[in-house]
N, C-alpha and C. Protein backbone atom coordinates (compact mmCIF):
# COMPACT_ATOMS: atom_id res chain seq x y z
N UNK A 1 84.82 -22.36 271.99
CA UNK A 1 85.42 -22.96 270.82
C UNK A 1 85.65 -24.43 271.13
N UNK A 2 85.49 -25.23 270.12
CA UNK A 2 85.69 -26.67 270.25
C UNK A 2 86.55 -27.12 269.08
N UNK A 3 87.60 -27.86 269.37
CA UNK A 3 88.45 -28.37 268.30
C UNK A 3 88.23 -29.88 268.18
N UNK A 4 87.82 -30.32 267.01
CA UNK A 4 87.55 -31.73 266.77
C UNK A 4 88.83 -32.48 266.43
N UNK A 5 88.76 -33.78 266.42
CA UNK A 5 89.93 -34.63 266.17
C UNK A 5 90.63 -34.31 264.85
N UNK A 6 89.87 -33.90 263.84
CA UNK A 6 90.49 -33.61 262.54
C UNK A 6 91.19 -32.25 262.51
N UNK A 7 91.15 -31.50 263.62
CA UNK A 7 91.84 -30.23 263.73
C UNK A 7 91.00 -29.02 263.43
N UNK A 8 89.79 -29.19 262.90
CA UNK A 8 88.92 -28.06 262.61
C UNK A 8 88.36 -27.48 263.91
N UNK A 9 88.09 -26.18 263.88
CA UNK A 9 87.50 -25.48 265.02
C UNK A 9 86.03 -25.21 264.75
N UNK A 10 85.21 -25.35 265.78
CA UNK A 10 83.77 -25.13 265.71
C UNK A 10 83.38 -24.15 266.81
N UNK A 11 82.65 -23.09 266.46
CA UNK A 11 82.15 -22.19 267.49
C UNK A 11 80.92 -22.81 268.12
N UNK A 12 80.67 -22.51 269.38
CA UNK A 12 79.51 -22.99 270.12
C UNK A 12 78.99 -21.83 270.97
N UNK A 13 77.70 -21.52 270.85
CA UNK A 13 77.08 -20.51 271.70
C UNK A 13 76.39 -21.23 272.85
N UNK A 14 76.72 -20.82 274.06
CA UNK A 14 76.16 -21.42 275.26
C UNK A 14 75.22 -20.44 275.92
N UNK A 15 74.23 -20.97 276.65
CA UNK A 15 73.29 -20.11 277.36
C UNK A 15 73.00 -20.71 278.72
N UNK A 16 72.87 -19.85 279.71
CA UNK A 16 72.53 -20.26 281.06
C UNK A 16 71.10 -19.80 281.34
N UNK A 17 70.32 -20.63 281.96
CA UNK A 17 68.94 -20.29 282.28
C UNK A 17 68.79 -20.15 283.79
N UNK A 18 67.90 -19.28 284.21
CA UNK A 18 67.60 -19.08 285.63
C UNK A 18 68.83 -18.70 286.44
N UNK A 19 69.77 -17.96 285.83
CA UNK A 19 70.97 -17.49 286.52
C UNK A 19 71.79 -18.61 287.15
N UNK A 20 71.71 -19.79 286.60
CA UNK A 20 72.51 -20.90 287.14
C UNK A 20 73.89 -20.88 286.53
N UNK A 21 74.79 -21.64 287.08
CA UNK A 21 76.15 -21.74 286.56
C UNK A 21 76.28 -22.90 285.58
N UNK A 22 75.15 -23.52 285.24
CA UNK A 22 75.16 -24.59 284.25
C UNK A 22 74.77 -23.99 282.90
N UNK A 23 75.53 -24.37 281.87
CA UNK A 23 75.29 -23.83 280.54
C UNK A 23 74.87 -24.93 279.58
N UNK A 24 73.96 -24.57 278.67
CA UNK A 24 73.50 -25.50 277.64
C UNK A 24 73.90 -24.95 276.28
N UNK A 25 74.15 -25.84 275.36
CA UNK A 25 74.49 -25.44 274.00
C UNK A 25 73.24 -24.90 273.33
N UNK A 26 73.32 -23.67 272.85
CA UNK A 26 72.20 -23.03 272.17
C UNK A 26 72.31 -23.24 270.66
N UNK A 27 73.51 -23.01 270.12
CA UNK A 27 73.79 -23.18 268.70
C UNK A 27 75.25 -23.56 268.55
N UNK A 28 75.55 -24.22 267.43
CA UNK A 28 76.94 -24.53 267.14
C UNK A 28 77.16 -24.56 265.63
N UNK A 29 78.39 -24.39 265.23
CA UNK A 29 78.72 -24.40 263.81
C UNK A 29 78.45 -25.79 263.23
N UNK A 30 77.87 -25.82 262.05
CA UNK A 30 77.61 -27.09 261.38
C UNK A 30 78.81 -27.53 260.55
N UNK A 31 79.72 -26.58 260.28
CA UNK A 31 80.93 -26.92 259.54
C UNK A 31 82.13 -26.36 260.29
N UNK A 32 83.26 -27.02 260.13
CA UNK A 32 84.46 -26.61 260.82
C UNK A 32 85.21 -25.51 260.10
N UNK A 33 86.09 -24.84 260.83
CA UNK A 33 86.94 -23.78 260.31
C UNK A 33 88.39 -24.19 260.52
N UNK A 34 89.25 -23.77 259.61
CA UNK A 34 90.65 -24.17 259.66
C UNK A 34 91.40 -23.55 260.83
N UNK A 35 91.01 -22.33 261.22
CA UNK A 35 91.72 -21.66 262.30
C UNK A 35 90.75 -21.24 263.40
N UNK A 36 91.31 -21.04 264.57
CA UNK A 36 90.55 -20.55 265.71
C UNK A 36 89.95 -19.18 265.38
N UNK A 37 90.75 -18.31 264.76
CA UNK A 37 90.30 -16.96 264.41
C UNK A 37 89.11 -16.96 263.47
N UNK A 38 89.11 -17.84 262.47
CA UNK A 38 87.98 -17.94 261.55
C UNK A 38 86.72 -18.38 262.28
N UNK A 39 86.85 -19.36 263.15
CA UNK A 39 85.70 -19.85 263.92
C UNK A 39 85.19 -18.77 264.87
N UNK A 40 86.11 -18.04 265.48
CA UNK A 40 85.72 -16.97 266.40
C UNK A 40 84.95 -15.88 265.66
N UNK A 41 85.42 -15.47 264.50
CA UNK A 41 84.73 -14.45 263.72
C UNK A 41 83.34 -14.91 263.29
N UNK A 42 83.22 -16.15 262.87
CA UNK A 42 81.93 -16.68 262.42
C UNK A 42 80.95 -16.76 263.59
N UNK A 43 81.41 -17.24 264.73
CA UNK A 43 80.55 -17.33 265.91
C UNK A 43 80.11 -15.96 266.39
N UNK A 44 81.03 -15.01 266.34
CA UNK A 44 80.69 -13.64 266.74
C UNK A 44 79.65 -13.03 265.81
N UNK A 45 79.74 -13.31 264.52
CA UNK A 45 78.77 -12.80 263.56
C UNK A 45 77.37 -13.34 263.87
N UNK A 46 77.27 -14.60 264.24
CA UNK A 46 75.97 -15.18 264.60
C UNK A 46 75.48 -14.56 265.90
N UNK A 47 76.35 -14.44 266.89
CA UNK A 47 75.97 -13.85 268.17
C UNK A 47 75.49 -12.41 267.98
N UNK A 48 76.18 -11.65 267.16
CA UNK A 48 75.81 -10.27 266.87
C UNK A 48 74.46 -10.19 266.18
N UNK A 49 74.08 -11.21 265.43
CA UNK A 49 72.81 -11.21 264.71
C UNK A 49 71.61 -11.61 265.53
N UNK A 50 71.82 -12.05 266.76
CA UNK A 50 70.69 -12.50 267.58
C UNK A 50 69.75 -11.37 268.02
N UNK A 51 70.24 -10.28 268.58
CA UNK A 51 69.30 -9.26 269.06
C UNK A 51 68.87 -8.30 267.95
N UNK A 52 67.64 -7.83 268.07
CA UNK A 52 67.17 -6.78 267.17
C UNK A 52 67.77 -5.45 267.58
N UNK A 53 67.97 -5.27 268.88
CA UNK A 53 68.52 -4.02 269.42
C UNK A 53 69.78 -4.37 270.20
N UNK A 54 70.94 -3.91 269.73
CA UNK A 54 72.21 -4.24 270.39
C UNK A 54 72.32 -3.64 271.78
N UNK A 55 71.49 -2.64 272.11
CA UNK A 55 71.52 -2.06 273.45
C UNK A 55 70.73 -2.88 274.46
N UNK A 56 69.85 -3.73 273.97
CA UNK A 56 69.00 -4.55 274.85
C UNK A 56 69.49 -5.99 274.86
N UNK A 57 69.86 -6.50 273.71
CA UNK A 57 70.30 -7.89 273.60
C UNK A 57 69.12 -8.81 273.33
N UNK A 58 69.39 -10.09 273.11
CA UNK A 58 68.30 -11.03 272.85
C UNK A 58 67.53 -11.33 274.13
N UNK A 59 66.24 -11.13 274.08
CA UNK A 59 65.38 -11.38 275.25
C UNK A 59 64.45 -12.55 275.06
N UNK A 60 64.21 -12.93 273.81
CA UNK A 60 63.30 -14.02 273.51
C UNK A 60 63.99 -14.98 272.57
N UNK A 61 63.30 -16.04 272.22
CA UNK A 61 63.81 -17.00 271.23
C UNK A 61 64.25 -16.25 269.98
N UNK A 62 65.46 -16.48 269.51
CA UNK A 62 65.99 -15.78 268.34
C UNK A 62 65.18 -16.13 267.10
N UNK A 63 64.93 -15.12 266.29
CA UNK A 63 64.23 -15.31 265.03
C UNK A 63 65.22 -15.84 264.00
N UNK A 64 64.88 -16.91 263.31
CA UNK A 64 65.77 -17.51 262.33
C UNK A 64 66.16 -16.54 261.23
N UNK A 65 65.31 -15.51 260.97
CA UNK A 65 65.64 -14.55 259.93
C UNK A 65 66.85 -13.71 260.29
N UNK A 66 67.22 -13.67 261.55
CA UNK A 66 68.38 -12.89 261.98
C UNK A 66 69.66 -13.41 261.33
N UNK A 67 69.68 -14.68 260.97
CA UNK A 67 70.88 -15.26 260.40
C UNK A 67 71.03 -14.93 258.93
N UNK A 68 70.00 -14.40 258.31
CA UNK A 68 70.08 -14.04 256.90
C UNK A 68 70.72 -12.67 256.71
N UNK A 69 70.81 -11.87 257.78
CA UNK A 69 71.38 -10.54 257.69
C UNK A 69 72.90 -10.61 257.73
N UNK A 70 73.56 -9.67 257.08
CA UNK A 70 75.02 -9.53 257.11
C UNK A 70 75.76 -10.79 256.72
N UNK A 71 75.17 -11.63 255.87
CA UNK A 71 75.87 -12.81 255.40
C UNK A 71 75.96 -13.93 256.42
N UNK A 72 75.30 -13.81 257.55
CA UNK A 72 75.39 -14.83 258.59
C UNK A 72 74.81 -16.16 258.13
N UNK A 73 73.95 -16.14 257.13
CA UNK A 73 73.36 -17.39 256.66
C UNK A 73 74.40 -18.32 256.06
N UNK A 74 75.52 -17.75 255.63
CA UNK A 74 76.59 -18.55 255.04
C UNK A 74 77.36 -19.34 256.10
N UNK A 75 77.08 -19.10 257.37
CA UNK A 75 77.89 -19.68 258.43
C UNK A 75 77.47 -21.10 258.79
N UNK A 76 76.33 -21.54 258.32
CA UNK A 76 75.84 -22.89 258.61
C UNK A 76 75.92 -23.21 260.10
N UNK A 77 74.82 -23.00 260.77
CA UNK A 77 74.82 -23.32 262.19
C UNK A 77 73.68 -24.27 262.50
N UNK A 78 73.84 -24.98 263.61
CA UNK A 78 72.82 -25.90 264.08
C UNK A 78 72.23 -25.32 265.34
N UNK A 79 70.91 -25.23 265.42
CA UNK A 79 70.24 -24.69 266.58
C UNK A 79 69.80 -25.86 267.46
N UNK A 80 69.95 -25.69 268.77
CA UNK A 80 69.58 -26.73 269.72
C UNK A 80 68.32 -26.31 270.46
N UNK A 81 67.34 -27.21 270.57
CA UNK A 81 66.14 -26.93 271.34
C UNK A 81 66.46 -27.08 272.81
N UNK A 82 65.81 -26.24 273.58
CA UNK A 82 66.05 -26.29 275.03
C UNK A 82 65.20 -27.33 275.67
């Protein structure tokens, strides 16, 4: 979670490559949320939409169509290229 100067909260999904302890921003909210809880729920919804199979998890580049399911498209997120 990241709180900007104006007080809004933004979720950020981080990813580590090659089992390193360094993390890169994978995606982040494009719009702020008034509370930490709202941002947490929105970020979790996007994270939940990444894998096709919840028992396996995301193994490849996430398909953009995953964000259209379960209303996740309303969350407005920015994807970062690696």
